[in-house]
C-alpha atoms as a PDB file:
ATOM      1  CA  MET A   1      94.823 107.394 101.388  1.00  0.00           C
ATOM      2  CA  SER A   2      98.369 106.689 102.518  1.00  0.00           C
ATOM      3  CA  SER A   3     100.458 108.907 104.749  1.00  0.00           C
ATOM      4  CA  ASN A   4     102.834 109.307 101.785  1.00  0.00           C
ATOM      5  CA  THR A   5     100.099 111.328 100.098  1.00  0.00           C
ATOM      6  CA  LEU A   6     100.896 114.280 102.367  1.00  0.00           C
ATOM      7  CA  GLN A   7     104.574 114.291 101.422  1.00  0.00           C
ATOM      8  CA  LYS A   8     103.754 116.310  98.311  1.00  0.00           C
ATOM      9  CA  ASP A   9     101.603 119.401  97.908  1.00  0.00           C
ATOM     10  CA  TRP A  10      99.216 118.268  95.173  1.00  0.00           C
ATOM     11  CA  TYR A  11      97.745 121.766  94.871  1.00  0.00           C
ATOM     12  CA  GLU A  12     101.195 123.203  94.190  1.00  0.00           C
ATOM     13  CA  ILE A  13     101.884 120.515  91.573  1.00  0.00           C
ATOM     14  CA  LEU A  14      98.744 121.609  89.696  1.00  0.00           C
ATOM     15  CA  GLY A  15      99.486 125.284  90.294  1.00  0.00           C
ATOM     16  CA  ALA A  16      96.167 125.483  92.104  1.00  0.00           C
ATOM     17  CA  GLY A  17      94.807 127.017  95.277  1.00  0.00           C
ATOM     18  CA  LEU A  18      92.710 125.480  98.042  1.00  0.00           C
ATOM     19  CA  SER A  19      89.711 127.540  96.980  1.00  0.00           C
ATOM     20  CA  ASP A  20      89.840 126.479  93.307  1.00  0.00           C
ATOM     21  CA  SER A  21      86.668 124.825  92.045  1.00  0.00           C
ATOM     22  CA  GLN A  22      86.655 121.362  90.479  1.00  0.00           C
ATOM     23  CA  GLN A  23      86.344 123.024  87.085  1.00  0.00           C
ATOM     24  CA  GLU A  24      89.405 125.211  87.752  1.00  0.00           C
ATOM     25  CA  LEU A  25      91.370 122.184  88.999  1.00  0.00           C
ATOM     26  CA  ARG A  26      90.391 120.215  85.873  1.00  0.00           C
ATOM     27  CA  HIS A  27      91.446 123.086  83.600  1.00  0.00           C
ATOM     28  CA  LYS A  28      94.856 123.366  85.296  1.00  0.00           C
ATOM     29  CA  TYR A  29      95.314 119.592  85.144  1.00  0.00           C
ATOM     30  CA  GLN A  30      94.442 119.421  81.441  1.00  0.00           C
ATOM     31  CA  ARG A  31      96.771 122.291  80.565  1.00  0.00           C
ATOM     32  CA  LEU A  32      99.711 120.722  82.449  1.00  0.00           C
ATOM     33  CA  ILE A  33      99.085 117.155  81.303  1.00  0.00           C
ATOM     34  CA  LEU A  34      99.244 118.282  77.665  1.00  0.00           C
ATOM     35  CA  LEU A  35     102.400 120.278  78.335  1.00  0.00           C
ATOM     36  CA  TYR A  36     104.228 117.370  79.988  1.00  0.00           C
ATOM     37  CA  HIS A  37     102.752 114.393  78.099  1.00  0.00           C
ATOM     38  CA  PRO A  38     105.597 112.160  76.834  1.00  0.00           C
ATOM     39  CA  ASP A  39     104.094 112.026  73.330  1.00  0.00           C
ATOM     40  CA  LYS A  40     104.130 115.840  73.115  1.00  0.00           C
ATOM     41  CA  GLN A  41     107.867 116.239  73.822  1.00  0.00           C
ATOM     42  CA  SER A  42     110.247 117.498  71.180  1.00  0.00           C
ATOM     43  CA  ALA A  43     112.787 115.020  69.796  1.00  0.00           C
ATOM     44  CA  ASP A  44     115.674 117.422  70.456  1.00  0.00           C
ATOM     45  CA  VAL A  45     115.100 117.563  74.248  1.00  0.00           C
ATOM     46  CA  PRO A  46     118.034 116.041  76.210  1.00  0.00           C
ATOM     47  CA  ALA A  47     117.382 112.630  77.788  1.00  0.00           C
ATOM     48  CA  GLY A  48     117.747 113.971  81.351  1.00  0.00           C
ATOM     49  CA  GLU A  49     115.135 116.617  80.727  1.00  0.00           C
ATOM     50  CA  LEU A  50     112.829 114.043  79.148  1.00  0.00           C
ATOM     51  CA  GLU A  51     113.057 111.983  82.338  1.00  0.00           C
ATOM     52  CA  GLU A  52     112.254 115.051  84.473  1.00  0.00           C
ATOM     53  CA  ARG A  53     109.253 115.866  82.287  1.00  0.00           C
ATOM     54  CA  ALA A  54     108.038 112.250  82.479  1.00  0.00           C
ATOM     55  CA  GLN A  55     108.292 112.394  86.281  1.00  0.00           C
ATOM     56  CA  ARG A  56     106.410 115.709  86.298  1.00  0.00           C
ATOM     57  CA  PHE A  57     103.724 114.127  84.088  1.00  0.00           C
ATOM     58  CA  ILE A  58     103.326 111.291  86.632  1.00  0.00           C
ATOM     59  CA  GLU A  59     103.069 113.771  89.532  1.00  0.00           C
ATOM     60  CA  ILE A  60     100.451 115.848  87.695  1.00  0.00           C
ATOM     61  CA  ASP A  61      98.410 112.712  87.017  1.00  0.00           C
ATOM     62  CA  GLN A  62      98.673 111.651  90.683  1.00  0.00           C
ATOM     63  CA  ALA A  63      97.639 115.139  91.821  1.00  0.00           C
ATOM     64  CA  TRP A  64      94.529 114.923  89.644  1.00  0.00           C
ATOM     65  CA  LYS A  65      93.687 111.445  90.951  1.00  0.00           C
ATOM     66  CA  ILE A  66      93.596 112.908  94.466  1.00  0.00           C
ATOM     67  CA  LEU A  67      92.142 116.376  93.839  1.00  0.00           C
ATOM     68  CA  GLY A  68      89.832 115.433  90.969  1.00  0.00           C
ATOM     69  CA  ASN A  69      87.776 113.092  93.149  1.00  0.00           C
ATOM     70  CA  GLU A  70      85.579 114.819  95.751  1.00  0.00           C
ATOM     71  CA  GLU A  71      86.056 112.081  98.358  1.00  0.00           C
ATOM     72  CA  THR A  72      89.846 111.800  98.103  1.00  0.00           C
ATOM     73  CA  LYS A  73      90.157 115.601  97.898  1.00  0.00           C
ATOM     74  CA  ARG A  74      88.130 116.008 101.093  1.00  0.00           C
ATOM     75  CA  GLU A  75      90.258 113.396 102.866  1.00  0.00           C
ATOM     76  CA  TYR A  76      93.473 115.026 101.626  1.00  0.00           C
ATOM     77  CA  ASP A  77      92.257 118.480 102.716  1.00  0.00           C
ATOM     78  CA  LEU A  78      91.389 117.153 106.193  1.00  0.00           C
ATOM     79  CA  GLN A  79      94.816 115.542 106.527  1.00  0.00           C
ATOM     80  CA  ARG A  80      96.518 118.776 105.404  1.00  0.00           C
ATOM     81  CA  ARG A  81      94.460 120.744 107.905  1.00  0.00           C
ATOM     82  CA  GLU A  82      95.412 118.358 110.704  1.00  0.00           C
ATOM     83  CA  VAL A  83      99.104 118.646 109.882  1.00  0.00           C
ATOM     84  CA  ALA A  84      98.849 122.428 109.632  1.00  0.00           C
ATOM     85  CA  MET A  85      97.102 122.619 112.974  1.00  0.00           C
ATOM     86  CA  THR A  86      99.805 120.611 114.727  1.00  0.00           C
ATOM     87  CA  GLN A  87     102.412 122.925 113.256  1.00  0.00           C
ATOM     88  CA  LYS A  88     100.624 126.217 113.981  1.00  0.00           C
ATOM     89  CA  TRP A  89      98.622 125.722 117.144  1.00  0.00           C
ATOM     90  CA  PRO A  90      99.725 124.190 120.394  1.00  0.00           C
ATOM     91  CA  VAL A  91      97.562 121.372 121.660  1.00  0.00           C
ATOM     92  CA  ASP A  92      95.938 122.431 124.919  1.00  0.00           C
ATOM     93  CA  ALA A  93      94.711 118.960 125.900  1.00  0.00           C
ATOM     94  CA  GLN A  94      94.074 115.424 124.750  1.00  0.00           C
ATOM     95  CA  VAL A  95      90.424 114.474 125.118  1.00  0.00           C
ATOM     96  CA  PRO A  96      88.983 110.995 124.568  1.00  0.00           C
ATOM     97  CA  LEU A  97      85.901 111.083 122.334  1.00  0.00           C
ATOM     98  CA  GLU A  98      83.974 109.387 125.150  1.00  0.00           C
ATOM     99  CA  ASP A  99      84.530 112.475 127.351  1.00  0.00           C
ATOM    100  CA  MET A 100      82.779 114.765 124.867  1.00  0.00           C
ATOM    101  CA  ASN A 101      79.065 115.588 125.102  1.00  0.00           C
ATOM    102  CA  TRP A 102      76.814 114.157 122.384  1.00  0.00           C
ATOM    103  CA  ILE A 103      74.214 116.608 121.039  1.00  0.00           C
ATOM    104  CA  GLU A 104      71.562 114.522 119.253  1.00  0.00           C
ATOM    105  CA  ALA A 105      69.744 117.463 117.672  1.00  0.00           C
ATOM    106  CA  ASP A 106      72.927 118.776 116.003  1.00  0.00           C
ATOM    107  CA  GLN A 107      74.500 115.352 115.385  1.00  0.00           C
ATOM    108  CA  CYS A 108      77.796 116.495 116.895  1.00  0.00           C
ATOM    109  CA  TYR A 109      80.029 116.218 119.926  1.00  0.00           C
ATOM    110  CA  THR A 110      80.928 119.244 122.039  1.00  0.00           C
ATOM    111  CA  TYR A 111      83.493 119.957 124.707  1.00  0.00           C
ATOM    112  CA  SER A 112      83.803 123.098 126.826  1.00  0.00           C
ATOM    113  CA  CYS A 113      86.915 125.203 126.424  1.00  0.00           C
ATOM    114  CA  ARG A 114      88.535 126.965 129.370  1.00  0.00           C
ATOM    115  CA  CYS A 115      87.786 130.309 127.663  1.00  0.00           C
ATOM    116  CA  GLY A 116      84.049 129.592 127.920  1.00  0.00           C
ATOM    117  CA  GLY A 117      83.735 128.672 124.241  1.00  0.00           C
ATOM    118  CA  GLU A 118      83.193 125.255 122.728  1.00  0.00           C
ATOM    119  CA  TYR A 119      84.947 122.680 120.650  1.00  0.00           C
ATOM    120  CA  ILE A 120      82.462 121.244 118.154  1.00  0.00           C
ATOM    121  CA  LEU A 121      83.010 117.958 116.333  1.00  0.00           C
ATOM    122  CA  PRO A 122      80.489 116.888 113.644  1.00  0.00           C
ATOM    123  CA  VAL A 123      79.655 113.189 113.800  1.00  0.00           C
ATOM    124  CA  ASP A 124      81.016 112.504 110.287  1.00  0.00           C
ATOM    125  CA  GLU A 125      84.469 113.715 111.376  1.00  0.00           C
ATOM    126  CA  ALA A 126      84.388 111.684 114.603  1.00  0.00           C
ATOM    127  CA  GLU A 127      85.259 108.462 112.775  1.00  0.00           C
ATOM    128  CA  GLU A 128      88.970 109.347 112.555  1.00  0.00           C
ATOM    129  CA  ASN A 129      91.317 107.751 115.103  1.00  0.00           C
ATOM    130  CA  MET A 130      92.973 110.987 116.202  1.00  0.00           C
ATOM    131  CA  PHE A 131      92.738 114.604 115.087  1.00  0.00           C
ATOM    132  CA  LEU A 132      92.699 118.205 116.280  1.00  0.00           C
ATOM    133  CA  ILE A 133      89.857 120.682 116.570  1.00  0.00           C
ATOM    134  CA  CYS A 134      89.950 124.371 117.470  1.00  0.00           C
ATOM    135  CA  CYS A 135      87.762 126.236 119.900  1.00  0.00           C
ATOM    136  CA  HIS A 136      85.159 128.369 118.160  1.00  0.00           C
ATOM    137  CA  THR A 137      85.951 131.312 120.451  1.00  0.00           C
ATOM    138  CA  CYS A 138      89.705 131.344 121.093  1.00  0.00           C
ATOM    139  CA  SER A 139      92.891 129.948 119.525  1.00  0.00           C
ATOM    140  CA  LEU A 140      93.177 126.844 121.703  1.00  0.00           C
ATOM    141  CA  SER A 141      92.974 123.388 120.168  1.00  0.00           C
ATOM    142  CA  ILE A 142      92.488 119.908 121.545  1.00  0.00           C
ATOM    143  CA  GLU A 143      93.493 116.520 120.244  1.00  0.00           C
ATOM    144  CA  ILE A 144      90.582 114.092 120.085  1.00  0.00           C
ATOM    145  CA  LEU A 145      91.433 110.466 120.771  1.00  0.00           C
ATOM    146  CA  ASN A 146      89.040 107.891 119.365  1.00  0.00           C
ATOM    147  CA  LYS A 147      89.496 104.360 120.743  1.00  0.00           C
ATOM    148  CA  SER A 148      87.648 102.634 117.889  1.00  0.00           C
END
């Protein structure tokens, strides 16, 4: 998924919320795609408005391509969360992945927070090059640097 993907709020384009189910997302997509489909437009609509509706149709389709697929939706949600975290929480430290403790039984990395809590990173999220995680006890966050 490209970094341009985050330039638009695909949930907003579909009129959806983060907690909407796939079925709810599909319903909102289908309703909007019928409303803005070029073949469904009235002949008396001004050309400028037709162009705007065609562009809206393209955006709705793109939103569904991202949010309608579980894998791309998960990736998009993770990227949104990362951006939101950098905007809302200050980064307390940058920690190389190699400095974190590996917990085999839980299949995750951990790192102690100065508050006494822990930062926990599941192994499936550790494949990213760089991202933020929050302490499970306080509001501090750290940026994880992955050299791979």
